[in-house]
C-alpha atoms as a PDB file:
ATOM      1  CA  MET A   1       0.000   0.000   0.000  1.00  0.00           C
ATOM      2  CA  ARG A   2       1.269   3.445  -0.780  1.00  0.00           C
ATOM      3  CA  GLU A   3       2.299   5.597   2.124  1.00  0.00           C
ATOM      4  CA  ARG A   4       0.010   8.482   1.195  1.00  0.00           C
ATOM      5  CA  LEU A   5      -3.035   6.477   2.241  1.00  0.00           C
ATOM      6  CA  TYR A   6      -2.069   6.863   5.872  1.00  0.00           C
ATOM      7  CA  ARG A   7      -2.061  10.647   5.727  1.00  0.00           C
ATOM      8  CA  ARG A   8      -5.180  12.078   7.224  1.00  0.00           C
ATOM      9  CA  PRO A   9      -7.029  14.482   4.912  1.00  0.00           C
ATOM     10  CA  GLU A  10      -7.587  18.042   6.088  1.00  0.00           C
ATOM     11  CA  TRP A  11     -11.351  18.383   6.127  1.00  0.00           C
ATOM     12  CA  GLY A  12     -12.644  21.511   4.473  1.00  0.00           C
ATOM     13  CA  ARG A  13      -9.255  22.226   2.860  1.00  0.00           C
ATOM     14  CA  GLY A  14      -9.437  20.087  -0.234  1.00  0.00           C
ATOM     15  CA  VAL A  15      -7.640  21.365  -3.310  1.00  0.00           C
ATOM     16  CA  GLN A  16     -10.153  23.014  -5.581  1.00  0.00           C
ATOM     17  CA  PRO A  17     -10.288  21.909  -9.215  1.00  0.00           C
ATOM     18  CA  ARG A  18      -8.579  24.259 -11.610  1.00  0.00           C
ATOM     19  CA  ASP A  19     -11.813  25.065 -13.425  1.00  0.00           C
ATOM     20  CA  GLU A  20     -13.874  25.698 -10.272  1.00  0.00           C
ATOM     21  CA  ARG A  21     -13.659  28.352  -7.628  1.00  0.00           C
ATOM     22  CA  PRO A  22     -15.492  28.586  -4.318  1.00  0.00           C
ATOM     23  CA  GLN A  23     -18.760  30.460  -4.641  1.00  0.00           C
ATOM     24  CA  VAL A  24     -20.160  32.845  -2.072  1.00  0.00           C
ATOM     25  CA  ASN A  25     -23.265  31.546  -0.327  1.00  0.00           C
ATOM     26  CA  ARG A  26     -25.666  34.302  -1.343  1.00  0.00           C
ATOM     27  CA  SER A  27     -28.480  33.395   1.032  1.00  0.00           C
ATOM     28  CA  LEU A  28     -26.122  33.499   4.003  1.00  0.00           C
ATOM     29  CA  VAL A  29     -24.659  36.853   2.967  1.00  0.00           C
ATOM     30  CA  VAL A  30     -28.060  38.389   2.241  1.00  0.00           C
ATOM     31  CA  GLY A  31     -29.454  37.157   5.542  1.00  0.00           C
ATOM     32  CA  LEU A  32     -26.573  38.430   7.665  1.00  0.00           C
ATOM     33  CA  VAL A  33     -26.159  41.750   5.861  1.00  0.00           C
ATOM     34  CA  GLY A  34     -29.902  42.341   5.713  1.00  0.00           C
ATOM     35  CA  SER A  35     -30.389  41.740   9.425  1.00  0.00           C
ATOM     36  CA  VAL A  36     -27.495  44.052  10.281  1.00  0.00           C
ATOM     37  CA  MET A  37     -28.843  46.771   7.999  1.00  0.00           C
ATOM     38  CA  LEU A  38     -32.249  46.564   9.652  1.00  0.00           C
ATOM     39  CA  VAL A  39     -30.664  47.058  13.068  1.00  0.00           C
ATOM     40  CA  VAL A  40     -28.613  49.988  11.767  1.00  0.00           C
ATOM     41  CA  PHE A  41     -31.737  51.494  10.190  1.00  0.00           C
ATOM     42  CA  GLY A  42     -33.544  51.215  13.504  1.00  0.00           C
ATOM     43  CA  ALA A  43     -30.646  53.000  15.219  1.00  0.00           C
ATOM     44  CA  LEU A  44     -30.672  55.788  12.622  1.00  0.00           C
ATOM     45  CA  ILE A  45     -34.386  56.520  13.001  1.00  0.00           C
ATOM     46  CA  GLY A  46     -33.854  58.300  16.311  1.00  0.00           C
ATOM     47  CA  GLY A  47     -31.249  60.624  14.786  1.00  0.00           C
ATOM     48  CA  ARG A  48     -28.502  59.824  17.314  1.00  0.00           C
ATOM     49  CA  PRO A  49     -26.769  56.628  16.136  1.00  0.00           C
ATOM     50  CA  LEU A  50     -23.616  57.312  18.161  1.00  0.00           C
ATOM     51  CA  THR A  51     -25.527  56.585  21.358  1.00  0.00           C
ATOM     52  CA  PHE A  52     -25.595  52.928  20.286  1.00  0.00           C
ATOM     53  CA  LEU A  53     -21.795  52.718  20.189  1.00  0.00           C
ATOM     54  CA  SER A  54     -20.073  51.535  23.332  1.00  0.00           C
ATOM     55  CA  ALA A  55     -16.598  50.032  23.306  1.00  0.00           C
ATOM     56  CA  GLU A  56     -17.038  48.911  26.907  1.00  0.00           C
ATOM     57  CA  GLY A  57     -20.292  47.095  26.166  1.00  0.00           C
ATOM     58  CA  LEU A  58     -18.893  45.465  23.029  1.00  0.00           C
ATOM     59  CA  LEU A  59     -15.781  44.308  24.859  1.00  0.00           C
ATOM     60  CA  LEU A  60     -17.810  42.952  27.748  1.00  0.00           C
ATOM     61  CA  VAL A  61     -20.276  41.009  25.583  1.00  0.00           C
ATOM     62  CA  LEU A  62     -17.932  39.614  22.937  1.00  0.00           C
ATOM     63  CA  GLY A  63     -14.953  39.145  25.236  1.00  0.00           C
ATOM     64  CA  GLY A  64     -17.072  37.588  27.966  1.00  0.00           C
ATOM     65  CA  THR A  65     -18.795  35.289  25.458  1.00  0.00           C
ATOM     66  CA  LEU A  66     -15.479  34.118  24.051  1.00  0.00           C
ATOM     67  CA  CYS A  67     -13.935  33.532  27.477  1.00  0.00           C
ATOM     68  CA  SER A  68     -16.994  31.656  28.705  1.00  0.00           C
ATOM     69  CA  THR A  69     -16.950  29.485  25.588  1.00  0.00           C
ATOM     70  CA  LEU A  70     -13.279  28.706  26.194  1.00  0.00           C
ATOM     71  CA  VAL A  71     -14.262  27.180  29.516  1.00  0.00           C
ATOM     72  CA  GLN A  72     -16.408  24.596  27.714  1.00  0.00           C
ATOM     73  CA  PHE A  73     -14.439  24.171  24.478  1.00  0.00           C
ATOM     74  CA  SER A  74     -10.771  24.252  23.600  1.00  0.00           C
ATOM     75  CA  ALA A  75      -9.144  26.945  21.487  1.00  0.00           C
ATOM     76  CA  ARG A  76      -8.755  24.339  18.740  1.00  0.00           C
ATOM     77  CA  ASP A  77     -12.518  23.746  18.704  1.00  0.00           C
ATOM     78  CA  ILE A  78     -13.191  27.474  18.434  1.00  0.00           C
ATOM     79  CA  ARG A  79     -10.700  27.862  15.580  1.00  0.00           C
ATOM     80  CA  ALA A  80     -12.311  24.897  13.825  1.00  0.00           C
ATOM     81  CA  ALA A  81     -15.751  26.490  14.258  1.00  0.00           C
ATOM     82  CA  ILE A  82     -14.493  29.751  12.748  1.00  0.00           C
ATOM     83  CA  ARG A  83     -13.047  27.841   9.784  1.00  0.00           C
ATOM     84  CA  ALA A  84     -16.354  26.023   9.384  1.00  0.00           C
ATOM     85  CA  ALA A  85     -18.240  29.340   9.351  1.00  0.00           C
ATOM     86  CA  ARG A  86     -15.828  30.721   6.773  1.00  0.00           C
ATOM     87  CA  GLY A  87     -16.279  27.549   4.728  1.00  0.00           C
ATOM     88  CA  ALA A  88     -20.064  27.915   4.886  1.00  0.00           C
ATOM     89  CA  LEU A  89     -19.647  31.386   3.409  1.00  0.00           C
ATOM     90  CA  PHE A  90     -17.264  30.544   0.573  1.00  0.00           C
ATOM     91  CA  GLU A  91     -17.028  26.817  -0.084  1.00  0.00           C
ATOM     92  CA  ARG A  92     -18.952  25.058  -2.823  1.00  0.00           C
ATOM     93  CA  GLN A  93     -21.243  22.335  -1.499  1.00  0.00           C
ATOM     94  CA  GLU A  94     -22.011  19.306  -3.663  1.00  0.00           C
ATOM     95  CA  SER A  95     -25.554  18.020  -3.230  1.00  0.00           C
ATOM     96  CA  PRO A  96     -26.286  14.327  -2.564  1.00  0.00           C
ATOM     97  CA  HIS A  97     -27.970  14.089  -5.971  1.00  0.00           C
ATOM     98  CA  ASP A  98     -24.835  15.413  -7.710  1.00  0.00           C
ATOM     99  CA  ARG A  99     -22.698  12.920  -5.791  1.00  0.00           C
ATOM    100  CA  ILE A 100     -24.966  10.049  -6.876  1.00  0.00           C
ATOM    101  CA  GLN A 101     -24.616  11.059 -10.519  1.00  0.00           C
ATOM    102  CA  ALA A 102     -20.842  11.345 -10.162  1.00  0.00           C
ATOM    103  CA  LEU A 103     -20.590   7.878  -8.609  1.00  0.00           C
ATOM    104  CA  LEU A 104     -22.745   6.395 -11.368  1.00  0.00           C
ATOM    105  CA  ARG A 105     -20.437   7.881 -13.989  1.00  0.00           C
ATOM    106  CA  LEU A 106     -17.444   6.442 -12.167  1.00  0.00           C
ATOM    107  CA  SER A 107     -19.104   3.038 -11.979  1.00  0.00           C
ATOM    108  CA  ARG A 108     -19.741   3.024 -15.734  1.00  0.00           C
ATOM    109  CA  ARG A 109     -16.161   4.085 -16.455  1.00  0.00           C
ATOM    110  CA  VAL A 110     -14.796   1.324 -14.250  1.00  0.00           C
ATOM    111  CA  LYS A 111     -16.997  -1.198 -16.060  1.00  0.00           C
ATOM    112  CA  GLU A 112     -15.677   0.009 -19.413  1.00  0.00           C
ATOM    113  CA  SER A 113     -11.988   0.736 -18.726  1.00  0.00           C
ATOM    114  CA  GLY A 114     -11.086  -0.861 -15.409  1.00  0.00           C
ATOM    115  CA  VAL A 115     -10.411   0.392 -11.912  1.00  0.00           C
ATOM    116  CA  LEU A 116      -7.249   2.326 -12.855  1.00  0.00           C
ATOM    117  CA  VAL A 117      -9.339   5.152 -14.297  1.00  0.00           C
ATOM    118  CA  LEU A 118     -10.135   6.136 -10.692  1.00  0.00           C
ATOM    119  CA  GLU A 119      -6.551   7.314 -10.158  1.00  0.00           C
ATOM    120  CA  ASP A 120      -7.046  10.339 -12.407  1.00  0.00           C
ATOM    121  CA  GLU A 121     -10.406  11.019 -10.771  1.00  0.00           C
ATOM    122  CA  ALA A 122      -8.756  10.960  -7.356  1.00  0.00           C
ATOM    123  CA  ALA A 123      -6.149  13.497  -8.466  1.00  0.00           C
ATOM    124  CA  ARG A 124      -8.876  15.884  -9.699  1.00  0.00           C
ATOM    125  CA  SER A 125     -11.253  15.458  -6.782  1.00  0.00           C
ATOM    126  CA  ALA A 126     -11.842  18.452  -4.523  1.00  0.00           C
ATOM    127  CA  ASP A 127     -13.432  16.320  -1.782  1.00  0.00           C
ATOM    128  CA  PRO A 128     -10.811  14.744   0.542  1.00  0.00           C
ATOM    129  CA  PHE A 129     -13.233  11.989   1.569  1.00  0.00           C
ATOM    130  CA  LEU A 130     -13.984  10.987  -2.016  1.00  0.00           C
ATOM    131  CA  ARG A 131     -10.298  11.242  -2.906  1.00  0.00           C
ATOM    132  CA  LEU A 132      -9.332   8.916  -0.079  1.00  0.00           C
ATOM    133  CA  GLY A 133     -11.962   6.366  -1.096  1.00  0.00           C
ATOM    134  CA  LEU A 134     -10.846   6.459  -4.724  1.00  0.00           C
ATOM    135  CA  GLU A 135      -7.207   5.979  -3.738  1.00  0.00           C
ATOM    136  CA  LEU A 136      -8.101   3.021  -1.564  1.00  0.00           C
ATOM    137  CA  THR A 137     -10.098   1.477  -4.392  1.00  0.00           C
ATOM    138  CA  VAL A 138      -7.306   1.991  -6.934  1.00  0.00           C
ATOM    139  CA  ASP A 139      -4.790   0.386  -4.580  1.00  0.00           C
ATOM    140  CA  GLY A 140      -6.867  -2.791  -4.572  1.00  0.00           C
ATOM    141  CA  GLN A 141      -7.947  -2.712  -0.957  1.00  0.00           C
ATOM    142  CA  SER A 142     -10.655  -5.138   0.042  1.00  0.00           C
ATOM    143  CA  PRO A 143     -14.181  -3.754   0.491  1.00  0.00           C
ATOM    144  CA  GLU A 144     -13.932  -4.546   4.213  1.00  0.00           C
ATOM    145  CA  ASN A 145     -10.796  -2.411   4.615  1.00  0.00           C
ATOM    146  CA  ILE A 146     -12.261   0.397   2.526  1.00  0.00           C
ATOM    147  CA  SER A 147     -15.412   0.392   4.637  1.00  0.00           C
ATOM    148  CA  LYS A 148     -13.451   0.395   7.883  1.00  0.00           C
ATOM    149  CA  ILE A 149     -11.195   3.312   6.887  1.00  0.00           C
ATOM    150  CA  LEU A 150     -14.035   5.388   5.451  1.00  0.00           C
ATOM    151  CA  GLN A 151     -16.239   4.805   8.489  1.00  0.00           C
ATOM    152  CA  THR A 152     -13.418   5.997  10.748  1.00  0.00           C
ATOM    153  CA  GLU A 153     -12.952   9.152   8.677  1.00  0.00           C
ATOM    154  CA  MET A 154     -16.701   9.760   8.591  1.00  0.00           C
ATOM    155  CA  ARG A 155     -17.015   9.445  12.348  1.00  0.00           C
ATOM    156  CA  SER A 156     -14.129  11.839  12.969  1.00  0.00           C
ATOM    157  CA  SER A 157     -15.269  14.502  10.492  1.00  0.00           C
ATOM    158  CA  ASN A 158     -18.902  14.315  11.623  1.00  0.00           C
ATOM    159  CA  GLU A 159     -17.905  14.754  15.251  1.00  0.00           C
ATOM    160  CA  GLN A 160     -15.888  17.859  14.391  1.00  0.00           C
ATOM    161  CA  ALA A 161     -18.719  19.286  12.284  1.00  0.00           C
ATOM    162  CA  TRP A 162     -21.272  18.873  15.070  1.00  0.00           C
ATOM    163  CA  ARG A 163     -18.825  20.282  17.602  1.00  0.00           C
ATOM    164  CA  SER A 164     -18.593  23.453  15.521  1.00  0.00           C
ATOM    165  CA  VAL A 165     -22.385  23.683  15.685  1.00  0.00           C
ATOM    166  CA  GLN A 166     -22.237  23.319  19.456  1.00  0.00           C
ATOM    167  CA  VAL A 167     -19.610  26.072  19.703  1.00  0.00           C
ATOM    168  CA  PHE A 168     -21.846  28.657  18.025  1.00  0.00           C
ATOM    169  CA  GLU A 169     -24.904  27.483  19.945  1.00  0.00           C
ATOM    170  CA  THR A 170     -22.962  27.910  23.186  1.00  0.00           C
ATOM    171  CA  MET A 171     -21.844  31.393  22.160  1.00  0.00           C
ATOM    172  CA  GLY A 172     -25.450  32.229  21.333  1.00  0.00           C
ATOM    173  CA  ASN A 173     -26.499  31.155  24.822  1.00  0.00           C
ATOM    174  CA  PHE A 174     -23.700  33.066  26.560  1.00  0.00           C
ATOM    175  CA  ALA A 175     -24.021  36.361  24.640  1.00  0.00           C
ATOM    176  CA  PRO A 176     -27.406  37.480  26.100  1.00  0.00           C
ATOM    177  CA  ALA A 177     -26.200  36.477  29.568  1.00  0.00           C
ATOM    178  CA  MET A 178     -23.115  38.655  29.155  1.00  0.00           C
ATOM    179  CA  GLY A 179     -25.360  41.467  27.959  1.00  0.00           C
ATOM    180  CA  LEU A 180     -27.429  41.081  31.123  1.00  0.00           C
ATOM    181  CA  ILE A 181     -24.242  41.227  33.202  1.00  0.00           C
ATOM    182  CA  GLY A 182     -23.347  44.460  31.420  1.00  0.00           C
ATOM    183  CA  THR A 183     -26.807  45.785  32.224  1.00  0.00           C
ATOM    184  CA  LEU A 184     -26.370  44.975  35.912  1.00  0.00           C
ATOM    185  CA  ILE A 185     -22.945  46.629  35.956  1.00  0.00           C
ATOM    186  CA  GLY A 186     -24.390  49.766  34.388  1.00  0.00           C
ATOM    187  CA  LEU A 187     -27.291  49.874  36.828  1.00  0.00           C
ATOM    188  CA  ILE A 188     -24.992  49.440  39.809  1.00  0.00           C
ATOM    189  CA  GLN A 189     -22.805  52.287  38.559  1.00  0.00           C
ATOM    190  CA  MET A 190     -25.870  54.446  38.039  1.00  0.00           C
ATOM    191  CA  LEU A 191     -27.286  53.765  41.492  1.00  0.00           C
ATOM    192  CA  GLY A 192     -23.905  54.376  43.075  1.00  0.00           C
ATOM    193  CA  SER A 193     -23.611  57.821  41.532  1.00  0.00           C
ATOM    194  CA  LEU A 194     -27.102  59.244  41.836  1.00  0.00           C
ATOM    195  CA  GLN A 195     -25.638  62.303  43.526  1.00  0.00           C
ATOM    196  CA  ASP A 196     -23.728  63.106  40.319  1.00  0.00           C
ATOM    197  CA  ALA A 197     -26.248  63.640  37.548  1.00  0.00           C
ATOM    198  CA  ALA A 198     -23.535  63.786  34.879  1.00  0.00           C
ATOM    199  CA  THR A 199     -22.640  60.101  35.353  1.00  0.00           C
ATOM    200  CA  ILE A 200     -26.181  58.737  35.254  1.00  0.00           C
ATOM    201  CA  GLY A 201     -26.530  59.000  31.487  1.00  0.00           C
ATOM    202  CA  PRO A 202     -23.329  57.101  30.538  1.00  0.00           C
ATOM    203  CA  ALA A 203     -24.022  54.402  33.103  1.00  0.00           C
ATOM    204  CA  MET A 204     -27.570  53.882  31.839  1.00  0.00           C
ATOM    205  CA  SER A 205     -26.292  53.854  28.260  1.00  0.00           C
ATOM    206  CA  LEU A 206     -23.832  51.065  29.068  1.00  0.00           C
ATOM    207  CA  ALA A 207     -26.584  49.115  30.767  1.00  0.00           C
ATOM    208  CA  LEU A 208     -28.956  49.211  27.796  1.00  0.00           C
ATOM    209  CA  VAL A 209     -26.358  48.945  25.016  1.00  0.00           C
ATOM    210  CA  ALA A 210     -24.806  45.817  26.565  1.00  0.00           C
ATOM    211  CA  THR A 211     -28.188  44.110  26.502  1.00  0.00           C
ATOM    212  CA  LEU A 212     -28.635  45.167  22.874  1.00  0.00           C
ATOM    213  CA  TYR A 213     -25.202  43.821  21.891  1.00  0.00           C
ATOM    214  CA  GLY A 214     -25.858  40.502  23.580  1.00  0.00           C
ATOM    215  CA  SER A 215     -29.232  40.031  21.912  1.00  0.00           C
ATOM    216  CA  VAL A 216     -28.020  41.138  18.465  1.00  0.00           C
ATOM    217  CA  SER A 217     -24.888  38.977  18.470  1.00  0.00           C
ATOM    218  CA  ALA A 218     -26.819  35.903  19.602  1.00  0.00           C
ATOM    219  CA  ASN A 219     -29.868  36.194  17.347  1.00  0.00           C
ATOM    220  CA  LEU A 220     -28.273  37.702  14.249  1.00  0.00           C
ATOM    221  CA  PHE A 221     -24.934  35.882  14.206  1.00  0.00           C
ATOM    222  CA  PHE A 222     -24.312  32.965  16.561  1.00  0.00           C
ATOM    223  CA  PHE A 223     -27.644  31.109  16.343  1.00  0.00           C
ATOM    224  CA  PRO A 224     -28.083  31.618  12.559  1.00  0.00           C
ATOM    225  CA  LEU A 225     -24.521  30.401  11.951  1.00  0.00           C
ATOM    226  CA  ALA A 226     -25.130  27.392  14.171  1.00  0.00           C
ATOM    227  CA  GLY A 227     -28.289  26.582  12.208  1.00  0.00           C
ATOM    228  CA  LYS A 228     -26.477  26.957   8.897  1.00  0.00           C
ATOM    229  CA  LEU A 229     -23.636  24.702  10.020  1.00  0.00           C
ATOM    230  CA  ARG A 230     -26.192  22.147  11.234  1.00  0.00           C
ATOM    231  CA  VAL A 231     -27.793  21.991   7.786  1.00  0.00           C
ATOM    232  CA  ILE A 232     -24.382  21.698   6.116  1.00  0.00           C
ATOM    233  CA  ALA A 233     -23.325  18.960   8.547  1.00  0.00           C
ATOM    234  CA  GLN A 234     -26.488  16.967   7.799  1.00  0.00           C
ATOM    235  CA  GLU A 235     -25.989  17.293   4.041  1.00  0.00           C
ATOM    236  CA  ARG A 236     -22.329  16.343   4.233  1.00  0.00           C
ATOM    237  CA  GLU A 237     -23.101  13.386   6.452  1.00  0.00           C
ATOM    238  CA  GLN A 238     -25.634  12.150   3.911  1.00  0.00           C
ATOM    239  CA  THR A 239     -23.186  12.770   1.057  1.00  0.00           C
ATOM    240  CA  LYS A 240     -20.481  10.790   2.857  1.00  0.00           C
ATOM    241  CA  ASP A 241     -22.872   7.877   3.430  1.00  0.00           C
ATOM    242  CA  ILE A 242     -23.716   7.896  -0.276  1.00  0.00           C
ATOM    243  CA  THR A 243     -20.032   8.142  -1.212  1.00  0.00           C
ATOM    244  CA  ALA A 244     -18.990   5.252   1.012  1.00  0.00           C
ATOM    245  CA  GLU A 245     -21.787   3.021  -0.264  1.00  0.00           C
ATOM    246  CA  GLY A 246     -21.014   3.920  -3.876  1.00  0.00           C
ATOM    247  CA  LEU A 247     -17.289   3.291  -3.555  1.00  0.00           C
ATOM    248  CA  LEU A 248     -17.876  -0.096  -1.948  1.00  0.00           C
ATOM    249  CA  SER A 249     -20.150  -1.027  -4.835  1.00  0.00           C
ATOM    250  CA  ILE A 250     -17.529   0.122  -7.341  1.00  0.00           C
ATOM    251  CA  ALA A 251     -14.830  -1.855  -5.540  1.00  0.00           C
ATOM    252  CA  LYS A 252     -17.038  -4.952  -5.785  1.00  0.00           C
ATOM    253  CA  LEU A 253     -17.582  -4.233  -9.518  1.00  0.00           C
ATOM    254  CA  GLU A 254     -21.336  -4.274  -9.078  1.00  0.00           C
ATOM    255  CA  SER A 255     -23.734  -3.227 -11.795  1.00  0.00           C
ATOM    256  CA  PRO A 256     -24.361   0.537 -12.181  1.00  0.00           C
ATOM    257  CA  ILE A 257     -28.098  -0.215 -12.246  1.00  0.00           C
ATOM    258  CA  MET A 258     -27.939  -1.871  -8.824  1.00  0.00           C
ATOM    259  CA  LEU A 259     -25.770   0.993  -7.572  1.00  0.00           C
ATOM    260  CA  GLU A 260     -28.279   3.616  -8.729  1.00  0.00           C
ATOM    261  CA  GLN A 261     -31.181   1.875  -6.999  1.00  0.00           C
ATOM    262  CA  ARG A 262     -29.207   1.553  -3.779  1.00  0.00           C
ATOM    263  CA  LEU A 263     -28.018   5.156  -3.731  1.00  0.00           C
ATOM    264  CA  GLN A 264     -31.420   6.596  -4.602  1.00  0.00           C
ATOM    265  CA  SER A 265     -32.770   4.930  -1.477  1.00  0.00           C
ATOM    266  CA  PHE A 266     -30.573   7.258   0.622  1.00  0.00           C
ATOM    267  CA  VAL A 267     -32.223  10.342  -0.861  1.00  0.00           C
ATOM    268  CA  THR A 268     -35.703   8.825  -0.569  1.00  0.00           C
ATOM    269  CA  CYS A 269     -35.221   7.923   3.100  1.00  0.00           C
ATOM    270  CA  ALA A 270     -33.858  11.399   3.883  1.00  0.00           C
ATOM    271  CA  SER A 271     -36.832  13.112   2.208  1.00  0.00           C
ATOM    272  CA  ASN A 272     -39.302  10.967   4.164  1.00  0.00           C
ATOM    273  CA  GLN A 273     -37.801  11.834   7.556  1.00  0.00           C
END
């Protein structure tokens, strides 16, 4: 077996094909930008938008949310979640239907020209999981070994994907709490300086702005990103199941007709759930 098969693929960092570039997820961009613009518009209606700016409140909410999340997750998990969010914005996602069609084409090519045609397909593949499966198949590994290796990779990548979802959900839960803490700090400062009328306004501003920052960051950023990553994780998990099943069928040199019927059952079961 060639040594390269033991190198673990870097999930989400596959080499893009020369004729394809990552596309921006328009729905994600429109949703995030639109929600931010609505909040900004609401701040501009009153004619004093600068009253909504508070470096202290922003530092307290975002810094406190990050530090609280670090208690539950490691810095590596947070970096992985940020990479996953960036990937959701820019990476091109192949649908399960597209993967089924690609596997059927590969199955027909193997039937016509032999298993060695998969080596060129592996070199051009942008998906590390598919590339690994193709390399294993070309190297003549048994279906049992291919299944075992692919299942291990699937389990590891799926765990990391769902952990990234949990990171943003946790940040969404902590952000309003940190905003409430900022509100309490502002109220305490205000009550402690009632004799000085000049300090009441800034203290009250910090109290209310911190609550606003916590609510906005949670409901416009953290929770929507967690939901988006959850959908992507579910689609990728289904695509990996289809890929593993298709590669095992190709390794066994099964009929493309049988392969199509088997893979279509994955999409049918997912739509019925």
